[in-house]
Amino acid sequence: MSALSSSPAGSSGNTVTIARNTVWYTFDVVASLVTAFATSIVIARAIGPQKLGYFNYIAWLASISASIGGLGVPVTTRKYMAEYFGRGEPGVCRAIFERTFRLQVLAAGAITAVGLLLVFTVSDRSYWGSSIFQVASILPAMLTSVPAAANLARENMRANVPSGLVSSIVYISFVAMSLIFGWGLPGIALGFLVGRTSEVAMRLFSVRKWIHALPKTALPAFLAERMRTFSGLSTVLMLLQVVVWDRSDIVLLKLFSGSIQEITFYSVAFNLTEKVLLLPATFGRAIGITVMAQFGRDQNALNSLVAKAARYTFLCGLPALLGLALLSGPLVRTLYGLQYLPVIPVLFWAAALAIPKTMLLPAQQLLQATEQQRFLVIWGCLCGAVNIGLDVLLIPAHGALGAAIGNGVGQALGVAGIWSRAAALYGIELPWRALLRIAACGCGMAAAVYALTLISRGWFALVVSTLCGCAAFGILLRVFKILTVEDLGRIRRISSKAPRPLQLCAQRIVVALSPAGEANWG
């Protein structure tokens, strides 16, 4: 495909759509964060590092089986349904959904059956109770991904929120009952299965209603061929994602560390980092949905859209990850207890090295939308080799810390290569001056947080350092004039859709963060 030409900023329609999806995805992320923190901390304290290590290992195997076993079907659904919605061909969108959902049902059934067979033949017999439910959850997890992708293709993140909330509530309820009534890990795993099942039931019911309202059209042969190629490459990308972006280091930890607890320490640090990364991902994923649709509407608008997205995701992600790294000591000591102290250095490096990943999604979504997946596969292989090589070198001596460093370096290298490719193909120029000024704000915030952690301890250090860090970052945003007049206009348009109290709150925040805020709000 030829390079995309440069263009002005995206239309106000894109701004409103991205804003709406960001709000709903933020709501979903906040609910996910609350669920994850509330349950993971309680479970970690209750069952200890030894049992949690095996539980997390099986959970990870089930997760990657669901992702890779899906053969790239969900991302294929989202990419091509978004493109053909953008082209105004809803009948083709229906044909895409029906074809991909049938494939996902077959794949889900096969993967779940194989997983259950392995549980009874090669897994630890003492963990059968929890392993059966964990593996059985592969089926609803795979099935729910296709209707979720269909909602995203319509640029409607709101439709995925209710089912996700119900799933979280069910899971929290089962965790509470398991701890109260002594059901242990099997009860927790059953909660995950029941939550996922309720999620897919609700999501599929709502999606099928609007899918059946679309005109019925046969899937064009040329499109079916494009989808097969895209799906095949997506499967390879998912396999590489397991190596570079996800917790593939868990397998190497099991092989080389000699302690199941190292898996627990790495998993806790990785999970906390990934949850914080959801904050910039709220905007990045909303942008990604619009990038897919914009490819079908007007490809010339993609350049500016992606460059601005990188700035916003970095602005959201940098302070969050820096704060997590610097507060790793007080956070682990206060929330997890003394038996998890080895997590502290692992969390510090996992969070610090994840900062480049805040800017991954805009460029990655652009290359996927323009079907540049072969580069993603080749570059992913190289980054995966670096990751595995560092793991083999560092894990025997440093355990979970070595795995965190290996994974972080591989991720940073992956982000650098993906952005370089996007810049070379489409002439996208990162706003380096703005990024450096944001980095300066982050460094100032980091100095304030670090100083407070030296003179305070426990809950007090965690709460006060967080509040002071937020205040310091906000003040520095104002001093360095990070928010532009264009940013203020976007914030004003976004907040205009909100209730009056939220509009007033947004106005006060903008006035506080930008010298030009008051003049450009009225």
Protein backbone atom coordinates (compact mmCIF):
# COMPACT_ATOMS: atom_id res chain seq x y z
CA MET A 1 0.00 0.00 0.00
CA SER A 2 1.26 3.47 -0.79
CA ALA A 3 2.21 5.81 1.99
CA LEU A 4 -0.58 7.72 3.58
CA SER A 5 -0.47 11.39 2.87
CA SER A 6 -0.30 13.95 5.63
CA SER A 7 -3.51 15.67 6.59
CA PRO A 8 -4.92 18.03 9.13
CA ALA A 9 -6.33 16.91 12.42
CA GLY A 10 -9.16 14.44 12.37
CA SER A 11 -12.73 15.59 12.04
CA SER A 12 -14.86 16.64 14.98
CA GLY A 13 -16.88 13.47 14.34
CA ASN A 14 -13.80 11.37 15.06
CA THR A 15 -13.09 13.45 18.16
CA VAL A 16 -16.57 12.88 19.56
CA THR A 17 -16.48 9.15 18.75
CA ILE A 18 -13.04 8.72 20.32
CA ALA A 19 -14.13 10.74 23.35
CA ARG A 20 -17.28 8.67 23.83
CA ASN A 21 -15.40 5.39 23.52
CA THR A 22 -12.64 6.63 25.83
CA VAL A 23 -15.19 7.46 28.51
CA TRP A 24 -16.85 4.05 28.30
CA TYR A 25 -13.58 2.15 28.09
CA THR A 26 -12.31 4.14 31.10
CA PHE A 27 -15.42 3.09 33.00
CA ASP A 28 -14.78 -0.53 32.04
CA VAL A 29 -11.10 -0.26 32.98
CA VAL A 30 -11.85 1.29 36.37
CA ALA A 31 -14.24 -1.57 37.13
CA SER A 32 -11.59 -4.05 36.00
CA LEU A 33 -8.93 -2.37 38.13
CA VAL A 34 -11.13 -2.39 41.21
CA THR A 35 -11.95 -6.06 40.67
CA ALA A 36 -8.33 -7.02 40.01
CA PHE A 37 -6.88 -5.19 42.99
CA ALA A 38 -9.62 -6.21 45.39
CA THR A 39 -9.46 -9.89 44.51
CA SER A 40 -5.75 -10.36 43.76
CA ILE A 41 -4.60 -8.84 47.03
CA VAL A 42 -7.07 -10.84 49.11
CA ILE A 43 -6.26 -14.07 47.26
CA ALA A 44 -2.50 -13.49 47.49
CA ARG A 45 -2.65 -12.91 51.24
CA ALA A 46 -4.99 -15.84 51.85
CA ILE A 47 -3.27 -18.62 49.89
CA GLY A 48 0.38 -17.51 49.89
CA PRO A 49 3.09 -17.43 47.18
CA GLN A 50 3.46 -21.22 46.78
CA LYS A 51 -0.14 -22.10 45.84
CA LEU A 52 -0.61 -18.83 43.95
CA GLY A 53 2.36 -19.70 41.73
CA TYR A 54 0.76 -22.89 40.37
CA PHE A 55 -2.67 -21.24 40.13
CA ASN A 56 -1.22 -18.35 38.08
CA TYR A 57 0.70 -20.78 35.88
CA ILE A 58 -2.46 -22.69 34.91
CA ALA A 59 -4.39 -19.43 34.46
CA TRP A 60 -1.70 -18.18 32.08
CA LEU A 61 -1.70 -21.40 30.06
CA ALA A 62 -5.50 -21.19 29.74
CA SER A 63 -5.27 -17.55 28.67
CA ILE A 64 -2.70 -18.10 25.92
CA SER A 65 -4.53 -21.20 24.72
CA ALA A 66 -7.65 -19.09 24.25
CA SER A 67 -5.72 -16.34 22.45
CA ILE A 68 -3.64 -18.47 20.10
CA GLY A 69 -6.34 -21.10 19.62
CA GLY A 70 -8.69 -18.41 18.33
CA LEU A 71 -6.54 -18.28 15.16
CA GLY A 72 -6.72 -14.49 15.07
CA VAL A 73 -10.50 -14.61 14.59
CA PRO A 74 -11.50 -11.75 16.97
CA VAL A 75 -9.01 -9.24 15.57
CA THR A 76 -10.02 -10.28 12.04
CA THR A 77 -13.67 -9.68 12.96
CA ARG A 78 -12.93 -6.22 14.31
CA LYS A 79 -10.65 -5.16 11.47
CA TYR A 80 -12.93 -6.11 8.57
CA MET A 81 -16.27 -5.27 10.17
CA ALA A 82 -14.89 -1.82 11.06
CA GLU A 83 -13.60 -1.34 7.52
CA TYR A 84 -16.91 -2.29 5.90
CA PHE A 85 -18.97 -0.27 8.35
CA GLY A 86 -16.74 2.64 7.33
CA ARG A 87 -17.53 1.88 3.68
CA GLY A 88 -21.25 1.76 4.37
CA GLU A 89 -21.74 -1.96 3.59
CA PRO A 90 -23.57 -3.43 6.62
CA GLY A 91 -24.60 -6.60 4.80
CA VAL A 92 -20.95 -7.58 4.37
CA CYS A 93 -20.42 -6.86 8.08
CA ARG A 94 -23.12 -9.39 8.94
CA ALA A 95 -21.51 -11.99 6.70
CA ILE A 96 -18.13 -11.36 8.36
CA PHE A 97 -19.59 -11.82 11.84
CA GLU A 98 -21.43 -15.02 11.01
CA ARG A 99 -18.39 -16.57 9.34
CA THR A 100 -15.94 -15.67 12.12
CA PHE A 101 -18.27 -16.65 14.96
CA ARG A 102 -18.77 -20.12 13.47
CA LEU A 103 -15.00 -20.56 13.24
CA GLN A 104 -14.56 -19.38 16.82
CA VAL A 105 -17.15 -21.87 18.12
CA LEU A 106 -15.27 -24.74 16.47
CA ALA A 107 -11.89 -23.55 17.72
CA ALA A 108 -13.18 -22.92 21.25
CA GLY A 109 -14.67 -26.39 21.53
CA ALA A 110 -11.51 -28.08 20.27
CA ILE A 111 -9.11 -26.08 22.47
CA THR A 112 -11.22 -26.60 25.59
CA ALA A 113 -11.50 -30.34 24.99
CA VAL A 114 -7.73 -30.69 24.52
CA GLY A 115 -7.09 -28.60 27.62
CA LEU A 116 -9.35 -30.75 29.79
CA LEU A 117 -7.68 -33.89 28.48
CA LEU A 118 -4.27 -32.49 29.48
CA VAL A 119 -5.56 -31.63 32.95
CA PHE A 120 -6.39 -35.29 33.58
CA THR A 121 -3.19 -36.66 32.04
CA VAL A 122 -0.24 -34.38 32.81
CA SER A 123 -1.24 -31.81 35.47
CA ASP A 124 -0.67 -32.00 39.23
CA ARG A 125 -3.49 -34.14 40.65
CA SER A 126 -3.72 -32.06 43.84
CA TYR A 127 -4.77 -29.03 41.73
CA TRP A 128 -7.35 -30.80 39.55
CA GLY A 129 -10.27 -29.06 41.25
CA SER A 130 -9.15 -25.55 40.27
CA SER A 131 -7.48 -26.55 36.98
CA ILE A 132 -10.68 -28.05 35.55
CA PHE A 133 -12.62 -24.82 36.06
CA GLN A 134 -9.73 -22.67 34.81
CA VAL A 135 -9.44 -24.68 31.59
CA ALA A 136 -13.22 -24.86 31.12
CA SER A 137 -13.29 -21.04 31.18
CA ILE A 138 -11.43 -21.09 27.84
CA LEU A 139 -14.73 -21.83 26.09
CA PRO A 140 -16.71 -18.73 27.19
CA ALA A 141 -13.56 -16.56 27.03
CA MET A 142 -13.07 -17.43 23.36
CA LEU A 143 -16.75 -17.12 22.47
CA THR A 144 -17.19 -13.68 24.07
CA SER A 145 -14.29 -12.19 22.10
CA VAL A 146 -16.09 -12.20 18.73
CA PRO A 147 -19.27 -10.32 19.78
CA ALA A 148 -17.01 -7.94 21.73
CA ALA A 149 -15.01 -7.33 18.55
CA ALA A 150 -18.24 -6.71 16.63
CA ASN A 151 -19.25 -3.99 19.10
CA LEU A 152 -15.81 -2.41 18.76
CA ALA A 153 -16.11 -2.49 14.98
CA ARG A 154 -19.23 -0.33 15.33
CA GLU A 155 -17.12 2.06 17.46
CA ASN A 156 -19.47 1.31 20.35
CA MET A 157 -17.49 0.41 23.46
CA ARG A 158 -20.51 1.11 25.63
CA ALA A 159 -22.15 -2.12 24.46
CA ASN A 160 -19.40 -4.23 26.05
CA VAL A 161 -19.58 -2.59 29.48
CA PRO A 162 -22.74 -4.16 31.07
CA SER A 163 -21.67 -7.75 30.45
CA GLY A 164 -18.16 -6.99 31.73
CA LEU A 165 -19.57 -5.49 34.91
CA VAL A 166 -21.80 -8.50 35.54
CA SER A 167 -18.82 -10.82 35.02
CA SER A 168 -16.77 -8.83 37.55
CA ILE A 169 -19.57 -8.85 40.13
CA VAL A 170 -20.03 -12.62 39.78
CA TYR A 171 -16.28 -13.22 40.14
CA ILE A 172 -15.97 -11.00 43.22
CA SER A 173 -18.93 -12.79 44.80
CA PHE A 174 -17.37 -16.22 44.27
CA VAL A 175 -14.01 -15.05 45.62
CA ALA A 176 -15.71 -13.74 48.77
CA MET A 177 -17.70 -16.95 49.26
CA SER A 178 -14.63 -19.10 48.62
CA LEU A 179 -12.68 -17.32 51.33
CA ILE A 180 -15.61 -17.25 53.78
CA PHE A 181 -16.73 -20.87 53.33
CA GLY A 182 -13.31 -22.38 52.70
CA TRP A 183 -13.85 -23.38 49.07
CA GLY A 184 -10.25 -22.42 48.28
CA LEU A 185 -8.82 -22.26 44.77
CA PRO A 186 -11.58 -24.43 43.18
CA GLY A 187 -14.22 -21.92 44.32
CA ILE A 188 -12.21 -19.00 42.95
CA ALA A 189 -11.70 -20.79 39.62
CA LEU A 190 -15.41 -21.66 39.47
CA GLY A 191 -16.21 -17.97 39.96
CA PHE A 192 -14.10 -17.10 36.96
CA LEU A 193 -15.90 -19.72 34.84
CA VAL A 194 -19.40 -18.59 35.91
CA GLY A 195 -18.46 -14.92 35.40
CA ARG A 196 -17.17 -15.58 31.90
CA THR A 197 -20.26 -17.62 31.03
CA SER A 198 -22.61 -14.84 32.13
CA GLU A 199 -20.54 -12.37 30.13
CA VAL A 200 -20.75 -14.29 26.86
CA ALA A 201 -24.49 -14.95 27.32
CA MET A 202 -25.29 -11.25 27.77
CA ARG A 203 -22.91 -10.03 25.08
CA LEU A 204 -23.99 -12.52 22.44
CA PHE A 205 -27.68 -11.85 23.11
CA SER A 206 -27.27 -8.08 22.60
CA VAL A 207 -25.05 -8.39 19.52
CA ARG A 208 -27.26 -10.88 17.69
CA LYS A 209 -30.19 -8.47 17.93
CA TRP A 210 -28.51 -5.76 15.86
CA ILE A 211 -26.63 -8.22 13.64
CA HIS A 212 -29.92 -9.81 12.53
CA ALA A 213 -31.27 -6.35 11.70
CA LEU A 214 -28.55 -5.96 9.03
CA PRO A 215 -29.22 -7.05 5.45
CA LYS A 216 -28.13 -10.61 4.64
CA THR A 217 -25.33 -10.75 2.06
CA ALA A 218 -22.94 -13.46 0.94
CA LEU A 219 -19.30 -12.99 1.91
CA PRO A 220 -17.34 -11.97 -1.23
CA ALA A 221 -14.70 -14.51 -2.25
CA PHE A 222 -11.89 -11.93 -2.43
CA LEU A 223 -12.73 -10.73 1.08
CA ALA A 224 -12.73 -14.28 2.44
CA GLU A 225 -9.21 -14.69 1.03
CA ARG A 226 -8.07 -11.41 2.62
CA MET A 227 -9.52 -12.54 5.94
CA ARG A 228 -7.75 -15.89 5.79
CA THR A 229 -4.41 -14.21 5.15
CA PHE A 230 -4.99 -11.61 7.86
CA SER A 231 -6.15 -14.25 10.34
CA GLY A 232 -3.11 -16.44 9.71
CA LEU A 233 -0.71 -13.58 10.25
CA SER A 234 -2.69 -12.47 13.31
CA THR A 235 -2.25 -15.93 14.82
CA VAL A 236 1.51 -15.66 14.39
CA LEU A 237 1.37 -12.17 15.92
CA MET A 238 -0.54 -13.50 18.91
CA LEU A 239 2.05 -16.20 19.39
CA LEU A 240 4.74 -13.53 19.29
CA GLN A 241 2.70 -11.39 21.65
CA VAL A 242 2.78 -14.22 24.15
CA VAL A 243 6.59 -14.17 23.90
CA VAL A 244 7.21 -10.41 23.86
CA TRP A 245 4.21 -8.68 25.41
CA ASP A 246 2.68 -11.29 27.73
CA ARG A 247 4.06 -13.53 30.45
CA SER A 248 5.94 -16.10 28.35
CA ASP A 249 8.74 -15.59 30.86
CA ILE A 250 6.64 -17.72 33.24
CA VAL A 251 7.60 -20.87 31.31
CA LEU A 252 11.30 -19.99 31.49
CA LEU A 253 10.95 -19.16 35.17
CA LYS A 254 9.49 -22.61 35.76
CA LEU A 255 12.37 -24.18 33.84
CA PHE A 256 15.31 -22.17 35.17
CA SER A 257 14.44 -20.59 38.52
CA GLY A 258 13.85 -23.75 40.55
CA SER A 259 11.14 -22.09 42.65
CA ILE A 260 7.41 -21.86 41.95
CA GLN A 261 7.36 -18.72 44.14
CA GLU A 262 9.36 -16.84 41.50
CA ILE A 263 6.36 -17.27 39.18
CA THR A 264 4.18 -15.68 41.84
CA PHE A 265 6.54 -12.72 42.33
CA TYR A 266 6.77 -12.11 38.59
CA SER A 267 3.01 -12.54 38.04
CA VAL A 268 2.12 -10.06 40.80
CA ALA A 269 4.49 -7.43 39.37
CA PHE A 270 3.42 -8.06 35.78
CA ASN A 271 -0.29 -7.96 36.63
CA LEU A 272 0.02 -4.68 38.54
CA THR A 273 1.97 -3.12 35.66
CA GLU A 274 -0.51 -4.32 33.06
CA LYS A 275 -3.44 -2.96 35.06
CA VAL A 276 -1.80 0.47 35.24
CA LEU A 277 -1.10 0.28 31.50
CA LEU A 278 -4.85 0.07 31.00
CA LEU A 279 -5.03 3.79 31.82
CA PRO A 280 -3.28 4.98 28.62
CA ALA A 281 -4.83 2.01 26.81
CA THR A 282 -8.29 3.49 27.36
CA PHE A 283 -7.44 6.22 24.89
CA GLY A 284 -5.21 4.04 22.73
CA ARG A 285 -7.91 1.41 22.19
CA ALA A 286 -10.54 4.04 21.44
CA ILE A 287 -8.16 5.51 18.86
CA GLY A 288 -7.49 2.03 17.46
CA ILE A 289 -11.19 1.39 16.83
CA THR A 290 -11.47 4.66 14.91
CA VAL A 291 -8.26 3.91 12.98
CA MET A 292 -9.81 0.66 11.72
CA ALA A 293 -13.01 2.44 10.67
CA GLN A 294 -11.14 5.45 9.26
CA PHE A 295 -9.24 3.10 6.96
CA GLY A 296 -12.58 2.38 5.29
CA ARG A 297 -13.74 6.04 5.36
CA ASP A 298 -10.74 8.26 4.63
CA GLN A 299 -7.18 6.96 4.82
CA ASN A 300 -5.68 10.44 4.52
CA ALA A 301 -6.85 11.32 8.05
CA LEU A 302 -4.89 8.51 9.72
CA ASN A 303 -1.51 10.25 9.88
CA SER A 304 -2.49 13.09 12.19
CA LEU A 305 -4.80 10.86 14.22
CA VAL A 306 -2.03 8.41 15.11
CA ALA A 307 0.60 11.06 15.93
CA LYS A 308 -1.72 12.86 18.33
CA ALA A 309 -2.72 9.56 19.94
CA ALA A 310 0.92 8.85 20.81
CA ARG A 311 1.19 12.15 22.69
CA TYR A 312 -2.01 11.56 24.65
CA THR A 313 -1.17 7.98 25.61
CA PHE A 314 2.32 9.04 26.77
CA LEU A 315 0.80 11.91 28.77
CA CYS A 316 -1.52 9.45 30.55
CA GLY A 317 0.89 6.56 30.97
CA LEU A 318 4.18 8.16 32.00
CA PRO A 319 3.13 9.53 35.42
CA ALA A 320 1.12 6.39 36.24
CA LEU A 321 4.00 3.97 35.56
CA LEU A 322 6.65 6.20 37.13
CA GLY A 323 4.47 6.47 40.22
CA LEU A 324 3.97 2.70 40.34
CA ALA A 325 7.73 2.10 40.11
CA LEU A 326 8.59 4.60 42.84
CA LEU A 327 5.80 3.43 45.14
CA SER A 328 6.55 -0.27 44.66
CA GLY A 329 7.99 -0.56 48.18
CA PRO A 330 5.12 1.03 50.15
CA LEU A 331 2.53 -0.61 47.90
CA VAL A 332 3.82 -4.18 48.28
CA ARG A 333 4.54 -3.87 52.01
CA THR A 334 1.15 -2.35 52.76
CA LEU A 335 -1.13 -4.36 50.48
CA TYR A 336 0.57 -7.75 50.10
CA GLY A 337 2.57 -8.18 53.30
CA LEU A 338 6.08 -9.31 54.22
CA GLN A 339 5.90 -12.65 52.38
CA TYR A 340 5.81 -10.72 49.08
CA LEU A 341 8.80 -8.40 49.68
CA PRO A 342 10.76 -9.98 46.75
CA VAL A 343 8.11 -8.45 44.45
CA ILE A 344 9.39 -4.90 45.14
CA PRO A 345 12.45 -4.79 42.81
CA VAL A 346 10.58 -6.83 40.19
CA LEU A 347 7.69 -4.36 40.21
CA PHE A 348 10.05 -1.37 40.04
CA TRP A 349 11.76 -2.60 36.88
CA ALA A 350 8.60 -4.01 35.30
CA ALA A 351 6.84 -0.63 35.66
CA ALA A 352 9.83 1.48 34.60
CA LEU A 353 10.59 -0.59 31.50
CA ALA A 354 6.90 -0.59 30.50
CA ILE A 355 6.86 3.19 29.93
CA PRO A 356 7.64 2.92 26.17
CA LYS A 357 4.70 0.52 25.83
CA THR A 358 2.29 3.37 26.60
CA MET A 359 2.77 4.51 22.98
CA LEU A 360 2.47 1.08 21.35
CA LEU A 361 -1.21 0.89 20.44
CA PRO A 362 -1.57 3.84 17.98
CA ALA A 363 1.28 2.66 15.72
CA GLN A 364 0.41 -1.01 16.07
CA GLN A 365 -3.24 -0.39 15.18
CA LEU A 366 -2.18 1.67 12.15
CA LEU A 367 0.03 -1.13 10.81
CA GLN A 368 -2.74 -3.68 11.38
CA ALA A 369 -5.35 -1.45 9.72
CA THR A 370 -3.11 -1.08 6.66
CA GLU A 371 -2.31 -4.82 6.66
CA GLN A 372 1.40 -4.43 7.37
CA GLN A 373 1.40 -7.55 9.52
CA ARG A 374 4.36 -9.22 7.87
CA PHE A 375 6.63 -6.57 9.33
CA LEU A 376 5.01 -7.04 12.74
CA VAL A 377 5.70 -10.77 12.50
CA ILE A 378 9.35 -10.35 11.48
CA TRP A 379 10.06 -7.64 14.05
CA GLY A 380 8.19 -9.59 16.71
CA CYS A 381 10.42 -12.62 16.07
CA LEU A 382 13.55 -10.53 16.57
CA CYS A 383 12.23 -8.94 19.77
CA GLY A 384 11.09 -12.33 21.02
CA ALA A 385 14.59 -13.71 20.46
CA VAL A 386 16.05 -10.82 22.48
CA ASN A 387 13.51 -11.43 25.26
CA ILE A 388 14.19 -15.16 25.46
CA GLY A 389 17.96 -14.65 25.25
CA LEU A 390 17.92 -12.21 28.17
CA ASP A 391 15.65 -14.55 30.14
CA VAL A 392 18.01 -17.49 29.66
CA LEU A 393 20.92 -15.29 30.70
CA LEU A 394 19.31 -13.57 33.71
CA ILE A 395 16.70 -15.91 35.21
CA PRO A 396 19.08 -18.57 36.65
CA ALA A 397 20.81 -15.94 38.81
CA HIS A 398 18.07 -13.35 39.35
CA GLY A 399 14.77 -15.23 39.03
CA ALA A 400 11.70 -13.02 38.62
CA LEU A 401 13.82 -9.85 38.43
CA GLY A 402 15.71 -11.24 35.44
CA ALA A 403 12.43 -12.15 33.74
CA ALA A 404 11.08 -8.62 34.28
CA ILE A 405 14.21 -7.06 32.76
CA GLY A 406 14.20 -9.42 29.79
CA ASN A 407 10.52 -8.79 29.08
CA GLY A 408 10.87 -5.01 29.53
CA VAL A 409 13.82 -4.70 27.16
CA GLY A 410 12.05 -6.82 24.55
CA GLN A 411 8.94 -4.62 24.80
CA ALA A 412 10.90 -1.38 24.50
CA LEU A 413 12.69 -2.69 21.42
CA GLY A 414 9.36 -3.77 19.93
CA VAL A 415 7.80 -0.32 20.38
CA ALA A 416 10.84 1.42 18.85
CA GLY A 417 10.74 -0.78 15.75
CA ILE A 418 6.99 -0.47 15.23
CA TRP A 419 7.10 3.33 15.42
CA SER A 420 10.11 3.46 13.10
CA ARG A 421 8.21 1.40 10.54
CA ALA A 422 5.09 3.57 10.82
CA ALA A 423 7.20 6.70 10.38
CA ALA A 424 9.02 5.27 7.35
CA LEU A 425 5.87 4.07 5.58
CA TYR A 426 3.50 6.92 6.30
CA GLY A 427 5.67 9.88 7.21
CA ILE A 428 4.30 10.09 10.73
CA GLU A 429 6.40 12.42 12.86
CA LEU A 430 6.28 11.97 16.60
CA PRO A 431 5.90 15.27 18.49
CA TRP A 432 9.34 14.94 20.11
CA ARG A 433 9.38 18.37 21.74
CA ALA A 434 6.03 17.73 23.41
CA LEU A 435 7.13 14.25 24.52
CA LEU A 436 10.34 15.63 26.05
CA ARG A 437 8.40 18.28 27.94
CA ILE A 438 6.02 15.64 29.27
CA ALA A 439 9.06 13.57 30.30
CA ALA A 440 10.43 16.61 32.16
CA CYS A 441 7.13 16.88 34.05
CA GLY A 442 7.38 13.19 34.90
CA CYS A 443 10.93 13.60 36.22
CA GLY A 444 9.84 16.47 38.47
CA MET A 445 6.94 14.40 39.79
CA ALA A 446 9.28 11.44 40.35
CA ALA A 447 11.64 13.57 42.45
CA ALA A 448 8.78 14.69 44.69
CA VAL A 449 7.41 11.14 45.13
CA TYR A 450 10.84 9.66 45.82
CA ALA A 451 11.58 12.28 48.48
CA LEU A 452 8.32 11.48 50.27
CA THR A 453 8.99 7.73 50.24
CA LEU A 454 12.26 8.39 52.08
CA ILE A 455 10.60 10.15 54.99
CA SER A 456 7.29 8.23 55.32
CA ARG A 457 6.16 4.62 55.63
CA GLY A 458 3.14 2.36 55.14
CA TRP A 459 -0.31 3.63 54.27
CA PHE A 460 0.76 7.20 54.92
CA ALA A 461 3.58 6.97 52.36
CA LEU A 462 1.27 5.37 49.80
CA VAL A 463 -1.55 7.89 50.13
CA VAL A 464 0.47 11.09 50.64
CA SER A 465 3.02 10.29 47.93
CA THR A 466 0.23 9.54 45.43
CA LEU A 467 -1.61 12.79 46.17
CA CYS A 468 1.57 14.89 46.13
CA GLY A 469 2.74 13.21 42.93
CA CYS A 470 -0.54 14.06 41.18
CA ALA A 471 -0.33 17.65 42.40
CA ALA A 472 3.31 18.00 41.30
CA PHE A 473 2.58 16.61 37.84
CA GLY A 474 -0.40 18.95 37.44
CA ILE A 475 1.65 21.99 38.45
CA LEU A 476 4.42 21.06 36.04
CA LEU A 477 1.91 20.59 33.21
CA ARG A 478 0.89 24.19 33.77
CA VAL A 479 4.47 25.47 34.08
CA PHE A 480 5.60 23.74 30.87
CA LYS A 481 2.32 24.66 29.07
CA ILE A 482 1.76 21.08 27.95
CA LEU A 483 -1.95 21.47 27.12
CA THR A 484 -2.44 23.38 23.87
CA VAL A 485 -5.41 25.42 22.72
CA GLU A 486 -6.34 22.49 20.47
CA ASP A 487 -6.32 20.17 23.50
CA LEU A 488 -8.55 22.54 25.41
CA GLY A 489 -11.03 22.63 22.53
CA ARG A 490 -11.19 18.84 22.51
CA ILE A 491 -11.72 18.69 26.26
CA ARG A 492 -14.48 21.26 25.99
CA ARG A 493 -16.27 19.32 23.24
CA ILE A 494 -15.94 16.08 25.18
CA SER A 495 -17.20 17.54 28.45
CA SER A 496 -20.13 19.26 26.73
CA LYS A 497 -21.77 15.82 26.44
CA ALA A 498 -21.47 15.23 30.18
CA PRO A 499 -23.87 16.31 32.99
CA ARG A 500 -23.47 19.86 34.24
CA PRO A 501 -21.50 18.95 37.42
CA LEU A 502 -18.94 17.04 35.35
CA GLN A 503 -18.68 19.97 32.94
CA LEU A 504 -17.87 22.29 35.83
CA CYS A 505 -15.34 19.81 37.20
CA ALA A 506 -13.63 19.53 33.80
CA GLN A 507 -13.55 23.33 33.51
CA ARG A 508 -11.86 23.72 36.90
CA ILE A 509 -9.28 21.06 36.06
CA VAL A 510 -8.48 22.64 32.70
CA VAL A 511 -8.15 26.11 34.24
CA ALA A 512 -5.80 24.65 36.86
CA LEU A 513 -3.63 22.74 34.38
CA SER A 514 -3.29 25.38 31.66
CA PRO A 515 -2.70 29.15 31.74
CA ALA A 516 -4.86 29.40 28.61
CA GLY A 517 -7.66 27.33 30.11
CA GLU A 518 -9.90 30.12 31.35
CA ALA A 519 -9.55 32.21 28.21
CA ASN A 520 -10.37 29.30 25.92
CA TRP A 521 -13.27 27.78 27.82
CA GLY A 522 -16.00 30.37 27.78
